[in-house]
Amino acid sequence: MTQRLDYTTIAPEGVKVFGDVHSYIAHSGLRYGILNLVYLRVSQINGCAYCIDLHTRDLLKSGMPQEKLTLLPVWREAADLFSEKERAALAWCETVTNVAQTAIPDHEYEAAKSQFSEKELVNLTMAIGLINAYNRMAISFRRTPDALKTKAETVGP
């Protein structure tokens, strides 16, 4: 994978705005584990190698069990590993990410609303929108995942 361009140096002001939104969400009161599970799941749906690598590493460092990360793409079948709140967040992130196909059905909204306050749900939806935007930037410009950088450094030219 060869990076096309480094958008972080080309448009640092825009990247900073994304970072400001990320900081707002991080301090919004939503649980770290739920946010990062959502970030990882959205990145899996979108196929963003950079963000999948980043959020998997973050979740492992925070003590998230490997089994949860392994079974995240099939979380419905592994529902017992995930709390009710996590399942609601994952269902919400999938329907919001796939909005063109789902049109956000009422039952998905009601399920999310049953687990999150209105403000939490707005903040969660912002987080989903933000990671979708980050995914599109990283995929468009082929941002190199740290795992590939590490491998290149170990293997050498």
Protein backbone atom coordinates (compact mmCIF):
# COMPACT_ATOMS: atom_id res chain seq x y z
CA MET A 1 0.00 0.00 0.00
CA THR A 2 1.51 3.30 -1.07
CA GLN A 3 0.18 6.49 0.43
CA ARG A 4 -1.08 8.87 -2.26
CA LEU A 5 -0.58 12.04 -0.25
CA ASP A 6 -0.33 13.19 3.35
CA TYR A 7 -3.52 15.15 3.94
CA THR A 8 -2.42 15.94 7.51
CA THR A 9 0.38 18.16 6.21
CA ILE A 10 -1.48 19.49 3.16
CA ALA A 11 -4.59 20.64 5.06
CA PRO A 12 -3.58 20.83 8.74
CA GLU A 13 -6.35 23.34 9.57
CA GLY A 14 -9.03 20.93 8.34
CA VAL A 15 -7.46 18.00 10.16
CA LYS A 16 -7.37 20.13 13.32
CA VAL A 17 -11.13 20.73 13.03
CA PHE A 18 -11.65 16.96 12.83
CA GLY A 19 -9.42 16.67 15.90
CA ASP A 20 -11.49 19.27 17.75
CA VAL A 21 -14.67 17.28 17.06
CA HIS A 22 -12.87 14.11 18.16
CA SER A 23 -11.85 15.84 21.41
CA TYR A 24 -15.43 17.03 22.01
CA ILE A 25 -16.73 13.49 21.56
CA ALA A 26 -13.98 12.01 23.76
CA HIS A 27 -15.05 14.35 26.57
CA SER A 28 -18.79 14.00 25.97
CA GLY A 29 -19.33 11.35 28.62
CA LEU A 30 -19.69 8.43 26.22
CA ARG A 31 -17.70 5.43 27.45
CA TYR A 32 -14.26 4.99 25.86
CA GLY A 33 -14.88 1.31 25.14
CA ILE A 34 -18.18 1.94 23.38
CA LEU A 35 -16.76 4.79 21.31
CA ASN A 36 -13.78 2.75 20.18
CA LEU A 37 -15.90 -0.32 19.43
CA VAL A 38 -18.07 1.94 17.26
CA TYR A 39 -15.00 3.49 15.60
CA LEU A 40 -13.65 0.01 14.88
CA ARG A 41 -16.95 -1.40 13.62
CA VAL A 42 -17.57 1.55 11.27
CA SER A 43 -14.00 1.22 9.98
CA GLN A 44 -14.58 -2.49 9.34
CA ILE A 45 -17.76 -1.73 7.38
CA ASN A 46 -15.91 0.88 5.31
CA GLY A 47 -12.79 -1.25 4.87
CA CYS A 48 -10.39 1.34 6.30
CA ALA A 49 -7.12 -0.47 7.04
CA TYR A 50 -5.54 2.52 8.80
CA CYS A 51 -8.46 3.01 11.21
CA ILE A 52 -8.99 -0.72 11.81
CA ASP A 53 -5.34 -1.01 12.82
CA LEU A 54 -5.47 2.14 14.98
CA HIS A 55 -8.66 1.32 16.89
CA THR A 56 -7.80 -2.35 17.34
CA ARG A 57 -4.49 -1.34 18.93
CA ASP A 58 -6.24 1.26 21.13
CA LEU A 59 -8.82 -1.26 22.32
CA LEU A 60 -6.21 -3.92 23.06
CA LYS A 61 -4.12 -1.39 25.04
CA SER A 62 -7.21 -0.44 27.06
CA GLY A 63 -7.74 -4.09 28.02
CA MET A 64 -10.55 -5.03 25.65
CA PRO A 65 -10.64 -8.84 25.42
CA GLN A 66 -9.27 -10.26 22.16
CA GLU A 67 -12.43 -12.40 21.78
CA LYS A 68 -14.59 -9.29 21.57
CA LEU A 69 -12.39 -7.76 18.89
CA THR A 70 -12.23 -10.99 16.93
CA LEU A 71 -16.01 -11.41 16.96
CA LEU A 72 -16.91 -7.75 16.43
CA PRO A 73 -17.80 -8.20 12.72
CA VAL A 74 -20.33 -10.86 13.80
CA TRP A 75 -21.38 -9.25 17.07
CA ARG A 76 -25.01 -10.28 16.65
CA GLU A 77 -24.02 -13.96 16.69
CA ALA A 78 -21.68 -13.28 19.65
CA ALA A 79 -24.18 -11.07 21.47
CA ASP A 80 -23.36 -12.55 24.89
CA LEU A 81 -19.89 -10.95 24.73
CA PHE A 82 -21.41 -7.47 24.36
CA SER A 83 -23.47 -5.49 26.83
CA GLU A 84 -26.95 -4.28 25.90
CA LYS A 85 -25.58 -0.74 25.54
CA GLU A 86 -22.73 -1.94 23.30
CA ARG A 87 -25.18 -3.88 21.12
CA ALA A 88 -27.41 -0.79 20.79
CA ALA A 89 -24.39 1.33 19.84
CA LEU A 90 -23.19 -1.23 17.29
CA ALA A 91 -26.64 -1.54 15.70
CA TRP A 92 -26.91 2.26 15.57
CA CYS A 93 -23.46 2.67 14.01
CA GLU A 94 -24.27 0.10 11.33
CA THR A 95 -27.60 1.66 10.37
CA VAL A 96 -26.18 5.20 10.37
CA THR A 97 -23.09 4.18 8.36
CA ASN A 98 -25.29 2.40 5.82
CA VAL A 99 -27.92 5.18 5.75
CA ALA A 100 -28.36 4.98 1.96
CA GLN A 101 -29.55 1.38 2.34
CA THR A 102 -31.24 1.52 5.75
CA ALA A 103 -32.91 4.96 5.88
CA ILE A 104 -32.60 4.55 9.67
CA PRO A 105 -35.72 2.57 10.53
CA ASP A 106 -37.80 3.59 13.55
CA HIS A 107 -37.05 0.35 15.42
CA GLU A 108 -33.28 1.06 15.18
CA TYR A 109 -33.81 4.58 16.52
CA GLU A 110 -36.02 3.31 19.36
CA ALA A 111 -33.47 0.64 20.30
CA ALA A 112 -30.67 3.23 20.46
CA LYS A 113 -32.89 5.70 22.32
CA SER A 114 -33.66 3.06 24.94
CA GLN A 115 -29.95 2.86 25.87
CA PHE A 116 -28.74 6.43 25.40
CA SER A 117 -30.00 9.82 26.51
CA GLU A 118 -30.87 12.27 23.74
CA LYS A 119 -27.54 14.06 24.17
CA GLU A 120 -25.62 10.78 24.21
CA LEU A 121 -27.39 9.68 21.06
CA VAL A 122 -26.54 12.96 19.32
CA ASN A 123 -22.91 12.63 20.43
CA LEU A 124 -22.79 8.99 19.36
CA THR A 125 -24.16 9.95 15.95
CA MET A 126 -21.53 12.69 15.67
CA ALA A 127 -18.87 10.10 16.49
CA ILE A 128 -20.22 7.82 13.76
CA GLY A 129 -20.23 10.67 11.25
CA LEU A 130 -16.70 11.66 12.24
CA ILE A 131 -15.23 8.18 11.88
CA ASN A 132 -16.97 7.81 8.53
CA ALA A 133 -15.26 11.06 7.44
CA TYR A 134 -11.89 9.91 8.80
CA ASN A 135 -12.34 6.59 6.95
CA ARG A 136 -13.02 8.36 3.68
CA MET A 137 -9.89 10.49 4.07
CA ALA A 138 -7.66 7.56 4.98
CA ILE A 139 -9.05 5.30 2.22
CA SER A 140 -9.00 8.00 -0.47
CA PHE A 141 -5.36 8.86 0.16
CA ARG A 142 -4.28 5.36 1.25
CA ARG A 143 -2.99 6.29 4.68
CA THR A 144 -0.56 3.57 5.73
CA PRO A 145 -1.53 1.56 8.82
CA ASP A 146 1.07 1.47 11.58
CA ALA A 147 1.19 -2.32 11.27
CA LEU A 148 2.51 -1.97 7.71
CA LYS A 149 4.99 0.73 8.72
CA THR A 150 6.27 -1.49 11.54
CA LYS A 151 6.59 -4.46 9.18
CA ALA A 152 8.49 -2.37 6.61
CA GLU A 153 10.88 -1.18 9.32
CA THR A 154 11.50 -4.74 10.55
CA VAL A 155 11.82 -6.34 7.13
CA GLY A 156 13.68 -3.43 5.56
CA PRO A 157 13.99 -2.52 1.87
